[in-house]
Amino acid sequence: MMPDLQAIRDLVRGFAKTGLWPDEICRSVSRYLSRQRIIKLPLRVRFYLAVRGFCPIITLKTDGWGPLAFYLVKCPRHGIVISYPHGYEGYFICPLCVG
């Protein structure tokens, strides 16, 4: 089964409900996405990834953190991963390259 955008959102939402922190969510979902050969994404998302290199997919808030927007990001080494904006400038870090 190839993952689609709704499945990725459900994974992020599910991991957040279990109490994981954003960096743990990004690492877990990115590991899953890196194992997939094909990810079924809408045209708008594919366009954003091709032009900008990132696309927002979901914003969550839990009792411990948030609201925080999660993005699909194109990593040259790992392909499509999930991350959130870091720092004042809002840059993205591939969770698989870091950890």
Protein backbone atom coordinates (compact mmCIF):
# COMPACT_ATOMS: atom_id res chain seq x y z
CA MET A 1 0.00 0.00 0.00
CA MET A 2 1.44 3.36 -1.00
CA PRO A 3 0.97 6.19 1.51
CA ASP A 4 -1.01 9.26 0.56
CA LEU A 5 -1.27 12.71 2.12
CA GLN A 6 -4.12 11.73 4.45
CA ALA A 7 -2.19 8.69 5.72
CA ILE A 8 0.81 10.91 6.49
CA ARG A 9 -1.42 13.38 8.37
CA ASP A 10 -2.96 10.50 10.32
CA LEU A 11 0.50 9.22 11.27
CA VAL A 12 1.57 12.64 12.55
CA ARG A 13 -1.70 13.09 14.45
CA GLY A 14 -1.48 9.58 15.95
CA PHE A 15 2.12 10.01 17.11
CA ALA A 16 1.21 13.38 18.68
CA LYS A 17 -1.65 11.74 20.61
CA THR A 18 0.77 9.16 22.04
CA GLY A 19 2.85 11.97 23.55
CA LEU A 20 5.84 12.08 21.20
CA TRP A 21 7.69 15.37 20.80
CA PRO A 22 7.85 17.00 17.34
CA ASP A 23 11.41 15.86 16.60
CA GLU A 24 10.46 12.25 17.46
CA ILE A 25 7.37 12.48 15.25
CA CYS A 26 9.42 13.81 12.34
CA ARG A 27 12.07 11.10 12.74
CA SER A 28 9.51 8.29 12.92
CA VAL A 29 7.37 9.43 9.99
CA SER A 30 10.44 10.27 7.88
CA ARG A 31 11.86 6.77 8.45
CA TYR A 32 8.56 5.35 7.23
CA LEU A 33 8.48 7.63 4.16
CA SER A 34 12.10 6.86 3.24
CA ARG A 35 11.24 3.15 3.01
CA GLN A 36 8.41 3.79 0.53
CA ARG A 37 9.14 3.61 -3.19
CA ILE A 38 6.10 5.69 -4.18
CA ILE A 39 4.19 8.31 -2.21
CA LYS A 40 0.88 9.36 -3.72
CA LEU A 41 0.67 13.15 -3.42
CA PRO A 42 -1.79 15.64 -4.94
CA LEU A 43 -0.58 17.83 -7.81
CA ARG A 44 -0.52 20.95 -5.61
CA VAL A 45 1.82 19.27 -3.10
CA ARG A 46 4.11 17.93 -5.84
CA PHE A 47 4.23 21.43 -7.36
CA TYR A 48 5.17 23.06 -4.02
CA LEU A 49 7.89 20.44 -3.44
CA ALA A 50 9.30 20.98 -6.94
CA VAL A 51 9.26 24.79 -6.77
CA ARG A 52 9.84 25.62 -3.10
CA GLY A 53 11.18 22.34 -1.69
CA PHE A 54 8.58 22.19 1.09
CA CYS A 55 4.81 22.09 1.57
CA PRO A 56 2.71 22.48 4.76
CA ILE A 57 0.53 19.47 5.56
CA ILE A 58 -0.82 19.83 9.11
CA THR A 59 -0.72 22.11 12.16
CA LEU A 60 -1.09 20.52 15.59
CA LYS A 61 -1.26 21.61 19.20
CA THR A 62 -0.92 19.33 22.20
CA ASP A 63 -0.77 19.97 25.94
CA GLY A 64 3.04 19.95 25.83
CA TRP A 65 3.74 21.95 22.65
CA GLY A 66 2.24 23.82 19.75
CA PRO A 67 0.68 25.04 17.67
CA LEU A 68 3.31 23.73 15.27
CA ALA A 69 3.10 23.29 11.50
CA PHE A 70 4.54 20.12 9.97
CA TYR A 71 5.83 20.21 6.40
CA LEU A 72 6.79 17.74 3.72
CA VAL A 73 10.36 18.64 2.77
CA LYS A 74 12.53 17.43 -0.08
CA CYS A 75 15.92 16.21 1.18
CA PRO A 76 18.56 15.58 -1.50
CA ARG A 77 19.81 12.50 0.36
CA HIS A 78 16.60 10.91 1.75
CA GLY A 79 13.86 12.14 -0.58
CA ILE A 80 10.55 13.25 0.96
CA VAL A 81 10.73 13.70 4.75
CA ILE A 82 8.64 15.54 7.31
CA SER A 83 9.96 18.45 9.37
CA TYR A 84 8.90 21.66 11.08
CA PRO A 85 10.38 25.18 10.90
CA HIS A 86 13.44 25.71 13.09
CA GLY A 87 14.91 28.94 14.39
CA TYR A 88 13.89 32.50 13.79
CA GLU A 89 14.17 32.17 10.00
CA GLY A 90 12.10 28.98 9.84
CA TYR A 91 14.64 26.74 8.11
CA PHE A 92 14.12 22.98 7.77
CA ILE A 93 16.36 20.17 9.00
CA CYS A 94 16.10 16.62 7.65
CA PRO A 95 15.49 14.44 10.73
CA LEU A 96 17.31 11.51 9.08
CA CYS A 97 20.45 13.52 8.25
CA VAL A 98 20.69 14.80 11.83
CA GLY A 99 19.98 11.71 13.83
